[in-house]
Amino acid sequence: MLHRIVLVGFMGAGKSSVGRALASQLSWRFEDLDEVVVKRSGRTIETWFRDMGEDAFRAEEDAVAQELLGEIRLVLASGGGWATRPRRLTELPPGTVSIWLDVDADEAVRRIEADSVLRPLLDGPEPQEEARRLLDSRRDAYDSADVRVDTNGRSVEDVTSRILEILENAGTRIEAE
């Protein structure tokens, strides 16, 4: 029985947008891990990285994720780096499916530039080169997800439909209200 879905992937892959749409389709709750960390701590991600460092942010992110993953009927959009920490995808609770929303670096940067959210890891003179380097370093971690869905050039609706189709074709029984 499927109780929760965790969306992983690079920044700009569509985790939040697809997560909201997927949760709506399933009549489940949606949570964006980054948004929950920011709301609970009162610190922006930029502030976490600048004042406390990435490791402190990742530790807080992990604590919040562990709490949320104890719930059922949940779609969780992880942060772009969440899946890169050891055992994050291999030790998910039973009844959880992880889905990698795959996006290439150029598409990710185009999407990010259209967004108003500051991305500390790409805040430099060469964001596309940094995105390529960072995505290459994370690819193996993302590839540990149960399912991979290409989001390049696809709408939120298309990606959401593809995920639901994959789950249905796998014969996945989904926890209903």
N, C-alpha and C. Protein backbone atom coordinates (compact mmCIF):
# COMPACT_ATOMS: atom_id res chain seq x y z
N MET A 1 0.85 -1.18 0.00
CA MET A 1 0.00 0.00 0.00
C MET A 1 0.89 1.24 0.00
N LEU A 2 0.62 2.15 -0.90
CA LEU A 2 1.37 3.40 -0.99
C LEU A 2 0.78 4.41 0.00
N HIS A 3 1.64 4.90 0.90
CA HIS A 3 1.20 5.86 1.91
C HIS A 3 1.75 7.27 1.67
N ARG A 4 2.89 7.34 0.98
CA ARG A 4 3.51 8.65 0.78
C ARG A 4 4.41 8.61 -0.44
N ILE A 5 4.57 9.79 -1.03
CA ILE A 5 5.44 9.96 -2.20
C ILE A 5 6.44 11.05 -1.88
N VAL A 6 7.71 10.79 -2.17
CA VAL A 6 8.77 11.77 -2.00
C VAL A 6 9.31 12.12 -3.38
N LEU A 7 9.25 13.39 -3.72
CA LEU A 7 9.79 13.87 -4.98
C LEU A 7 11.20 14.40 -4.75
N VAL A 8 12.14 13.92 -5.54
CA VAL A 8 13.53 14.37 -5.44
C VAL A 8 13.96 14.87 -6.81
N GLY A 9 15.05 15.62 -6.80
CA GLY A 9 15.58 16.12 -8.05
C GLY A 9 16.22 17.48 -7.86
N PHE A 10 16.83 17.95 -8.90
CA PHE A 10 17.57 19.20 -8.88
C PHE A 10 16.62 20.38 -8.74
N MET A 11 17.15 21.49 -8.25
CA MET A 11 16.34 22.70 -8.18
C MET A 11 15.81 23.03 -9.58
N GLY A 12 14.58 23.47 -9.64
CA GLY A 12 13.98 23.79 -10.94
C GLY A 12 13.38 22.60 -11.65
N ALA A 13 13.44 21.41 -11.04
CA ALA A 13 12.89 20.21 -11.69
C ALA A 13 11.36 20.20 -11.66
N GLY A 14 10.76 20.96 -10.75
CA GLY A 14 9.31 21.01 -10.65
C GLY A 14 8.75 20.27 -9.45
N LYS A 15 9.59 19.98 -8.46
CA LYS A 15 9.13 19.20 -7.31
C LYS A 15 7.95 19.84 -6.60
N SER A 16 8.01 21.13 -6.36
CA SER A 16 6.91 21.81 -5.65
C SER A 16 5.65 21.88 -6.49
N SER A 17 5.78 22.29 -7.73
CA SER A 17 4.61 22.41 -8.61
C SER A 17 3.96 21.06 -8.88
N VAL A 18 4.76 20.09 -9.22
CA VAL A 18 4.24 18.75 -9.48
C VAL A 18 3.70 18.15 -8.18
N GLY A 19 4.39 18.38 -7.08
CA GLY A 19 3.93 17.86 -5.80
C GLY A 19 2.55 18.36 -5.43
N ARG A 20 2.32 19.66 -5.62
CA ARG A 20 1.00 20.22 -5.32
C ARG A 20 -0.07 19.58 -6.21
N ALA A 21 0.24 19.48 -7.49
CA ALA A 21 -0.73 18.90 -8.44
C ALA A 21 -0.99 17.43 -8.13
N LEU A 22 0.05 16.69 -7.82
CA LEU A 22 -0.08 15.27 -7.50
C LEU A 22 -0.90 15.07 -6.23
N ALA A 23 -0.61 15.85 -5.21
CA ALA A 23 -1.37 15.76 -3.95
C ALA A 23 -2.84 16.07 -4.19
N SER A 24 -3.10 17.05 -5.03
CA SER A 24 -4.49 17.41 -5.35
C SER A 24 -5.19 16.25 -6.04
N GLN A 25 -4.52 15.63 -7.00
CA GLN A 25 -5.10 14.50 -7.73
C GLN A 25 -5.39 13.31 -6.81
N LEU A 26 -4.54 13.12 -5.82
CA LEU A 26 -4.68 11.99 -4.90
C LEU A 26 -5.55 12.32 -3.68
N SER A 27 -5.90 13.59 -3.52
CA SER A 27 -6.59 14.08 -2.31
C SER A 27 -5.73 13.82 -1.06
N TRP A 28 -4.43 14.03 -1.21
CA TRP A 28 -3.48 13.90 -0.13
C TRP A 28 -2.99 15.29 0.27
N ARG A 29 -2.22 15.33 1.34
CA ARG A 29 -1.60 16.57 1.80
C ARG A 29 -0.27 16.75 1.06
N PHE A 30 0.08 18.00 0.80
CA PHE A 30 1.35 18.32 0.18
C PHE A 30 2.19 19.13 1.16
N GLU A 31 3.48 18.81 1.21
CA GLU A 31 4.43 19.61 1.98
C GLU A 31 5.69 19.82 1.15
N ASP A 32 6.19 21.03 1.16
CA ASP A 32 7.46 21.37 0.54
C ASP A 32 8.47 21.45 1.68
N LEU A 33 9.45 20.58 1.67
CA LEU A 33 10.40 20.47 2.78
C LEU A 33 11.11 21.80 3.04
N ASP A 34 11.57 22.47 2.00
CA ASP A 34 12.24 23.76 2.19
C ASP A 34 11.31 24.77 2.85
N GLU A 35 10.06 24.82 2.41
CA GLU A 35 9.10 25.77 2.98
C GLU A 35 8.85 25.48 4.45
N VAL A 36 8.76 24.21 4.82
CA VAL A 36 8.52 23.85 6.22
C VAL A 36 9.72 24.26 7.08
N VAL A 37 10.93 24.00 6.61
CA VAL A 37 12.13 24.38 7.36
C VAL A 37 12.17 25.89 7.56
N VAL A 38 11.89 26.64 6.50
CA VAL A 38 11.91 28.11 6.59
C VAL A 38 10.84 28.60 7.57
N LYS A 39 9.64 28.07 7.44
CA LYS A 39 8.53 28.51 8.30
C LYS A 39 8.82 28.21 9.77
N ARG A 40 9.28 27.02 10.05
CA ARG A 40 9.52 26.63 11.45
C ARG A 40 10.71 27.38 12.07
N SER A 41 11.73 27.62 11.28
CA SER A 41 12.95 28.24 11.83
C SER A 41 12.92 29.76 11.79
N GLY A 42 12.09 30.31 10.90
CA GLY A 42 12.09 31.76 10.73
C GLY A 42 13.30 32.26 9.96
N ARG A 43 14.06 31.36 9.37
CA ARG A 43 15.25 31.71 8.58
C ARG A 43 15.03 31.34 7.12
N THR A 44 15.43 32.19 6.22
CA THR A 44 15.40 31.82 4.80
C THR A 44 16.52 30.81 4.54
N ILE A 45 16.42 30.13 3.43
CA ILE A 45 17.49 29.19 3.07
C ILE A 45 18.80 29.94 2.87
N GLU A 46 18.71 31.11 2.26
CA GLU A 46 19.91 31.94 2.08
C GLU A 46 20.55 32.24 3.43
N THR A 47 19.75 32.58 4.44
CA THR A 47 20.27 32.87 5.78
C THR A 47 20.89 31.63 6.40
N TRP A 48 20.21 30.48 6.26
CA TRP A 48 20.78 29.22 6.77
C TRP A 48 22.18 29.01 6.20
N PHE A 49 22.29 29.11 4.87
CA PHE A 49 23.57 28.84 4.22
C PHE A 49 24.63 29.86 4.62
N ARG A 50 24.25 31.14 4.66
CA ARG A 50 25.20 32.20 4.94
C ARG A 50 25.65 32.19 6.41
N ASP A 51 24.69 32.07 7.34
CA ASP A 51 25.00 32.23 8.76
C ASP A 51 25.36 30.94 9.48
N MET A 52 24.77 29.83 9.05
CA MET A 52 24.97 28.59 9.78
C MET A 52 25.66 27.51 8.95
N GLY A 53 25.64 27.67 7.64
CA GLY A 53 26.30 26.72 6.77
C GLY A 53 25.35 25.66 6.23
N GLU A 54 25.76 25.05 5.13
CA GLU A 54 24.94 24.04 4.49
C GLU A 54 24.71 22.83 5.39
N ASP A 55 25.74 22.42 6.15
CA ASP A 55 25.57 21.24 7.01
C ASP A 55 24.48 21.45 8.05
N ALA A 56 24.42 22.64 8.64
CA ALA A 56 23.37 22.94 9.63
C ALA A 56 22.00 22.90 8.96
N PHE A 57 21.90 23.44 7.76
CA PHE A 57 20.63 23.41 7.03
C PHE A 57 20.23 21.96 6.75
N ARG A 58 21.17 21.15 6.28
CA ARG A 58 20.86 19.75 5.96
C ARG A 58 20.43 18.97 7.20
N ALA A 59 21.03 19.27 8.34
CA ALA A 59 20.63 18.59 9.58
C ALA A 59 19.19 18.96 9.95
N GLU A 60 18.84 20.22 9.83
CA GLU A 60 17.47 20.65 10.13
C GLU A 60 16.50 20.05 9.11
N GLU A 61 16.90 20.05 7.86
CA GLU A 61 16.09 19.48 6.79
C GLU A 61 15.82 18.00 7.07
N ASP A 62 16.83 17.28 7.52
CA ASP A 62 16.67 15.86 7.82
C ASP A 62 15.71 15.64 8.98
N ALA A 63 15.83 16.45 10.03
CA ALA A 63 14.94 16.29 11.19
C ALA A 63 13.48 16.54 10.79
N VAL A 64 13.25 17.56 10.01
CA VAL A 64 11.88 17.87 9.57
C VAL A 64 11.36 16.76 8.65
N ALA A 65 12.21 16.29 7.74
CA ALA A 65 11.80 15.22 6.82
C ALA A 65 11.42 13.95 7.59
N GLN A 66 12.21 13.60 8.58
CA GLN A 66 11.90 12.40 9.37
C GLN A 66 10.54 12.51 10.03
N GLU A 67 10.23 13.68 10.55
CA GLU A 67 8.92 13.90 11.15
C GLU A 67 7.80 13.76 10.12
N LEU A 68 7.95 14.44 8.99
CA LEU A 68 6.92 14.41 7.95
C LEU A 68 6.73 13.01 7.38
N LEU A 69 7.81 12.27 7.24
CA LEU A 69 7.72 10.94 6.66
C LEU A 69 7.05 9.92 7.59
N GLY A 70 6.72 10.34 8.78
CA GLY A 70 5.95 9.50 9.67
C GLY A 70 4.45 9.59 9.40
N GLU A 71 4.06 10.51 8.54
CA GLU A 71 2.65 10.71 8.22
C GLU A 71 2.25 9.88 7.01
N ILE A 72 0.95 9.72 6.82
CA ILE A 72 0.44 9.00 5.65
C ILE A 72 -0.34 9.98 4.78
N ARG A 73 -0.61 9.53 3.54
CA ARG A 73 -1.31 10.34 2.54
C ARG A 73 -0.60 11.69 2.38
N LEU A 74 0.70 11.61 2.09
CA LEU A 74 1.55 12.79 1.99
C LEU A 74 2.37 12.75 0.71
N VAL A 75 2.41 13.87 0.01
CA VAL A 75 3.36 14.09 -1.07
C VAL A 75 4.36 15.11 -0.54
N LEU A 76 5.63 14.73 -0.51
CA LEU A 76 6.69 15.58 0.02
C LEU A 76 7.64 15.97 -1.10
N ALA A 77 7.78 17.28 -1.31
CA ALA A 77 8.78 17.79 -2.25
C ALA A 77 10.03 18.07 -1.44
N SER A 78 11.08 17.33 -1.70
CA SER A 78 12.33 17.52 -0.97
C SER A 78 13.10 18.69 -1.57
N GLY A 79 14.08 19.15 -0.81
CA GLY A 79 14.99 20.15 -1.36
C GLY A 79 15.92 19.46 -2.34
N GLY A 80 16.54 20.25 -3.21
CA GLY A 80 17.40 19.68 -4.25
C GLY A 80 18.57 18.87 -3.74
N GLY A 81 19.08 19.19 -2.55
CA GLY A 81 20.22 18.46 -2.01
C GLY A 81 19.85 17.40 -0.99
N TRP A 82 18.59 17.32 -0.63
CA TRP A 82 18.17 16.38 0.42
C TRP A 82 18.55 14.94 0.09
N ALA A 83 18.31 14.51 -1.12
CA ALA A 83 18.54 13.11 -1.50
C ALA A 83 20.02 12.75 -1.58
N THR A 84 20.89 13.74 -1.53
CA THR A 84 22.32 13.46 -1.69
C THR A 84 22.98 12.99 -0.41
N ARG A 85 22.31 13.12 0.69
CA ARG A 85 22.87 12.66 1.96
C ARG A 85 22.73 11.14 2.06
N PRO A 86 23.69 10.47 2.70
CA PRO A 86 23.66 9.01 2.78
C PRO A 86 22.34 8.46 3.33
N ARG A 87 21.87 7.42 2.71
CA ARG A 87 20.70 6.62 3.12
C ARG A 87 19.37 7.34 3.06
N ARG A 88 19.32 8.54 2.54
CA ARG A 88 18.05 9.27 2.50
C ARG A 88 17.00 8.50 1.69
N LEU A 89 17.37 7.97 0.54
CA LEU A 89 16.41 7.28 -0.31
C LEU A 89 16.34 5.79 -0.03
N THR A 90 17.39 5.23 0.52
CA THR A 90 17.39 3.79 0.77
C THR A 90 16.73 3.42 2.10
N GLU A 91 16.51 4.38 2.96
CA GLU A 91 15.91 4.10 4.26
C GLU A 91 14.58 4.84 4.47
N LEU A 92 13.84 5.02 3.39
CA LEU A 92 12.51 5.62 3.51
C LEU A 92 11.57 4.64 4.19
N PRO A 93 10.57 5.14 4.89
CA PRO A 93 9.63 4.23 5.57
C PRO A 93 8.89 3.34 4.56
N PRO A 94 8.49 2.14 4.98
CA PRO A 94 7.69 1.28 4.11
C PRO A 94 6.44 2.03 3.63
N GLY A 95 6.05 1.76 2.40
CA GLY A 95 4.88 2.43 1.84
C GLY A 95 5.20 3.77 1.21
N THR A 96 6.49 4.04 1.04
CA THR A 96 6.94 5.30 0.44
C THR A 96 7.56 5.01 -0.92
N VAL A 97 7.18 5.78 -1.92
CA VAL A 97 7.84 5.69 -3.22
C VAL A 97 8.57 7.00 -3.47
N SER A 98 9.80 6.89 -3.94
CA SER A 98 10.59 8.07 -4.28
C SER A 98 10.60 8.24 -5.79
N ILE A 99 10.40 9.46 -6.23
CA ILE A 99 10.32 9.76 -7.66
C ILE A 99 11.31 10.88 -7.97
N TRP A 100 12.23 10.58 -8.89
CA TRP A 100 13.21 11.55 -9.34
C TRP A 100 12.62 12.32 -10.50
N LEU A 101 12.42 13.62 -10.32
CA LEU A 101 12.01 14.49 -11.41
C LEU A 101 13.30 14.99 -12.05
N ASP A 102 13.62 14.42 -13.18
CA ASP A 102 14.88 14.67 -13.86
C ASP A 102 14.76 15.89 -14.76
N VAL A 103 15.71 16.77 -14.67
CA VAL A 103 15.77 17.97 -15.50
C VAL A 103 17.23 18.21 -15.84
N ASP A 104 17.49 18.71 -17.05
CA ASP A 104 18.89 19.02 -17.37
C ASP A 104 19.23 20.41 -16.82
N ALA A 105 20.52 20.69 -16.72
CA ALA A 105 20.99 21.92 -16.08
C ALA A 105 20.50 23.17 -16.79
N ASP A 106 20.52 23.18 -18.11
CA ASP A 106 20.08 24.37 -18.84
C ASP A 106 18.60 24.67 -18.60
N GLU A 107 17.77 23.63 -18.64
CA GLU A 107 16.34 23.81 -18.37
C GLU A 107 16.13 24.27 -16.93
N ALA A 108 16.87 23.70 -16.00
CA ALA A 108 16.73 24.08 -14.59
C ALA A 108 17.05 25.56 -14.40
N VAL A 109 18.14 26.03 -14.99
CA VAL A 109 18.51 27.44 -14.85
C VAL A 109 17.47 28.34 -15.49
N ARG A 110 16.92 27.96 -16.64
CA ARG A 110 15.86 28.76 -17.27
C ARG A 110 14.66 28.88 -16.32
N ARG A 111 14.27 27.77 -15.73
CA ARG A 111 13.13 27.79 -14.80
C ARG A 111 13.43 28.62 -13.56
N ILE A 112 14.64 28.47 -13.03
CA ILE A 112 15.04 29.20 -11.82
C ILE A 112 15.07 30.70 -12.08
N GLU A 113 15.58 31.09 -13.25
CA GLU A 113 15.64 32.52 -13.58
C GLU A 113 14.26 33.14 -13.67
N ALA A 114 13.25 32.35 -14.00
CA ALA A 114 11.87 32.85 -14.07
C ALA A 114 11.22 32.90 -12.68
N ASP A 115 11.88 32.29 -11.70
CA ASP A 115 11.38 32.21 -10.34
C ASP A 115 12.01 33.34 -9.51
N SER A 116 11.35 33.78 -8.49
CA SER A 116 11.89 34.87 -7.67
C SER A 116 12.65 34.38 -6.45
N VAL A 117 12.76 33.07 -6.27
CA VAL A 117 13.42 32.51 -5.10
C VAL A 117 14.93 32.48 -5.33
N LEU A 118 15.68 33.02 -4.39
CA LEU A 118 17.13 33.00 -4.48
C LEU A 118 17.66 31.60 -4.24
N ARG A 119 18.57 31.14 -5.07
CA ARG A 119 19.19 29.82 -4.94
C ARG A 119 20.65 30.02 -4.57
N PRO A 120 20.99 29.92 -3.27
CA PRO A 120 22.36 30.22 -2.83
C PRO A 120 23.44 29.43 -3.56
N LEU A 121 23.17 28.20 -3.92
CA LEU A 121 24.20 27.39 -4.57
C LEU A 121 24.46 27.78 -6.02
N LEU A 122 23.59 28.61 -6.60
CA LEU A 122 23.79 29.07 -7.97
C LEU A 122 24.02 30.57 -8.03
N ASP A 123 24.27 31.18 -6.88
CA ASP A 123 24.45 32.63 -6.80
C ASP A 123 25.90 32.99 -7.11
N GLY A 124 26.23 32.96 -8.39
CA GLY A 124 27.59 33.27 -8.80
C GLY A 124 27.58 33.78 -10.23
N PRO A 125 28.76 34.05 -10.77
CA PRO A 125 28.84 34.63 -12.11
C PRO A 125 28.47 33.66 -13.24
N GLU A 126 28.58 32.36 -13.00
CA GLU A 126 28.31 31.35 -14.03
C GLU A 126 27.28 30.34 -13.54
N PRO A 127 26.01 30.74 -13.40
CA PRO A 127 25.03 29.81 -12.83
C PRO A 127 24.83 28.53 -13.66
N GLN A 128 24.94 28.61 -14.98
CA GLN A 128 24.73 27.39 -15.78
C GLN A 128 25.88 26.41 -15.59
N GLU A 129 27.09 26.90 -15.52
CA GLU A 129 28.23 26.01 -15.28
C GLU A 129 28.13 25.39 -13.89
N GLU A 130 27.75 26.20 -12.91
CA GLU A 130 27.60 25.70 -11.55
C GLU A 130 26.47 24.68 -11.48
N ALA A 131 25.38 24.94 -12.19
CA ALA A 131 24.25 23.99 -12.22
C ALA A 131 24.69 22.67 -12.83
N ARG A 132 25.45 22.71 -13.92
CA ARG A 132 25.94 21.47 -14.55
C ARG A 132 26.82 20.68 -13.58
N ARG A 133 27.74 21.38 -12.93
CA ARG A 133 28.66 20.73 -11.99
C ARG A 133 27.88 20.11 -10.83
N LEU A 134 26.98 20.88 -10.26
CA LEU A 134 26.20 20.41 -9.11
C LEU A 134 25.29 19.25 -9.49
N LEU A 135 24.62 19.37 -10.62
CA LEU A 135 23.74 18.29 -11.08
C LEU A 135 24.54 17.02 -11.35
N ASP A 136 25.69 17.14 -11.97
CA ASP A 136 26.53 15.96 -12.21
C ASP A 136 26.93 15.30 -10.89
N SER A 137 27.22 16.10 -9.87
CA SER A 137 27.63 15.53 -8.58
C SER A 137 26.47 14.86 -7.85
N ARG A 138 25.23 15.21 -8.21
CA ARG A 138 24.05 14.67 -7.52
C ARG A 138 23.35 13.55 -8.29
N ARG A 139 23.71 13.36 -9.53
CA ARG A 139 22.99 12.43 -10.39
C ARG A 139 22.89 11.01 -9.83
N ASP A 140 23.99 10.50 -9.28
CA ASP A 140 23.95 9.13 -8.72
C ASP A 140 22.98 9.04 -7.55
N ALA A 141 22.94 10.06 -6.71
CA ALA A 141 22.01 10.05 -5.57
C ALA A 141 20.57 10.05 -6.08
N TYR A 142 20.26 10.91 -7.02
CA TYR A 142 18.90 10.96 -7.57
C TYR A 142 18.52 9.64 -8.23
N ASP A 143 19.51 9.01 -8.84
CA ASP A 143 19.25 7.75 -9.54
C ASP A 143 18.88 6.61 -8.59
N SER A 144 19.03 6.84 -7.28
CA SER A 144 18.61 5.84 -6.29
C SER A 144 17.10 5.84 -6.08
N ALA A 145 16.40 6.81 -6.65
CA ALA A 145 14.94 6.88 -6.49
C ALA A 145 14.30 5.67 -7.16
N ASP A 146 13.10 5.34 -6.71
CA ASP A 146 12.36 4.20 -7.25
C ASP A 146 11.95 4.41 -8.70
N VAL A 147 11.63 5.66 -9.05
CA VAL A 147 11.09 5.99 -10.37
C VAL A 147 11.79 7.24 -10.87
N ARG A 148 12.03 7.31 -12.17
CA ARG A 148 12.59 8.52 -12.80
C ARG A 148 11.59 9.02 -13.83
N VAL A 149 11.30 10.33 -13.78
CA VAL A 149 10.40 10.96 -14.75
C VAL A 149 11.12 12.18 -15.33
N ASP A 150 11.26 12.20 -16.63
CA ASP A 150 11.88 13.33 -17.33
C ASP A 150 10.90 14.50 -17.35
N THR A 151 11.37 15.67 -16.89
CA THR A 151 10.50 16.85 -16.87
C THR A 151 10.88 17.88 -17.92
N ASN A 152 11.93 17.63 -18.67
CA ASN A 152 12.39 18.60 -19.66
C ASN A 152 11.31 18.89 -20.70
N GLY A 153 10.94 20.16 -20.81
CA GLY A 153 9.96 20.57 -21.81
C GLY A 153 8.55 20.08 -21.54
N ARG A 154 8.28 19.57 -20.36
CA ARG A 154 6.96 19.02 -20.05
C ARG A 154 6.26 19.91 -19.02
N SER A 155 4.96 20.01 -19.15
CA SER A 155 4.17 20.81 -18.22
C SER A 155 3.97 20.06 -16.91
N VAL A 156 3.56 20.79 -15.89
CA VAL A 156 3.25 20.20 -14.60
C VAL A 156 2.17 19.13 -14.78
N GLU A 157 1.18 19.43 -15.58
CA GLU A 157 0.08 18.49 -15.82
C GLU A 157 0.59 17.21 -16.48
N ASP A 158 1.48 17.34 -17.47
CA ASP A 158 2.04 16.18 -18.15
C ASP A 158 2.83 15.30 -17.19
N VAL A 159 3.66 15.93 -16.38
CA VAL A 159 4.50 15.18 -15.44
C VAL A 159 3.63 14.48 -14.39
N THR A 160 2.63 15.19 -13.89
CA THR A 160 1.72 14.61 -12.90
C THR A 160 0.99 13.42 -13.48
N SER A 161 0.48 13.55 -14.69
CA SER A 161 -0.22 12.45 -15.35
C SER A 161 0.71 11.25 -15.55
N ARG A 162 1.96 11.53 -15.92
CA ARG A 162 2.93 10.44 -16.13
C ARG A 162 3.19 9.69 -14.82
N ILE A 163 3.31 10.41 -13.72
CA ILE A 163 3.53 9.76 -12.42
C ILE A 163 2.34 8.88 -12.07
N LEU A 164 1.14 9.39 -12.22
CA LEU A 164 -0.05 8.61 -11.91
C LEU A 164 -0.14 7.38 -12.80
N GLU A 165 0.22 7.52 -14.07
CA GLU A 165 0.22 6.40 -15.00
C GLU A 165 1.23 5.33 -14.57
N ILE A 166 2.42 5.76 -14.17
CA ILE A 166 3.45 4.82 -13.71
C ILE A 166 2.97 4.06 -12.49
N LEU A 167 2.39 4.77 -11.54
CA LEU A 167 1.90 4.12 -10.32
C LEU A 167 0.78 3.13 -10.64
N GLU A 168 -0.12 3.53 -11.54
CA GLU A 168 -1.22 2.64 -11.91
C GLU A 168 -0.69 1.41 -12.64
N ASN A 169 0.24 1.61 -13.57
CA ASN A 169 0.79 0.47 -14.34
C ASN A 169 1.58 -0.48 -13.44
N ALA A 170 2.10 0.03 -12.33
CA ALA A 170 2.83 -0.82 -11.40
C ALA A 170 1.87 -1.57 -10.46
N GLY A 171 0.59 -1.26 -10.60
CA GLY A 171 -0.40 -1.91 -9.74
C GLY A 171 -0.35 -1.42 -8.31
N THR A 172 0.12 -0.21 -8.13
CA THR A 172 0.26 0.35 -6.80
C THR A 172 -1.09 0.65 -6.18
N ARG A 173 -1.32 0.10 -5.01
CA ARG A 173 -2.52 0.44 -4.24
C ARG A 173 -2.21 1.69 -3.45
N ILE A 174 -3.06 2.70 -3.59
CA ILE A 174 -2.80 3.99 -2.98
C ILE A 174 -3.71 4.19 -1.78
N GLU A 175 -3.11 4.62 -0.66
CA GLU A 175 -3.85 4.90 0.57
C GLU A 175 -4.89 5.99 0.28
N ALA A 176 -6.13 5.68 0.53
CA ALA A 176 -7.22 6.66 0.33
C ALA A 176 -7.64 7.18 1.69
N GLU A 177 -8.36 8.29 1.64
CA GLU A 177 -8.87 8.87 2.90
C GLU A 177 -9.91 7.99 3.52
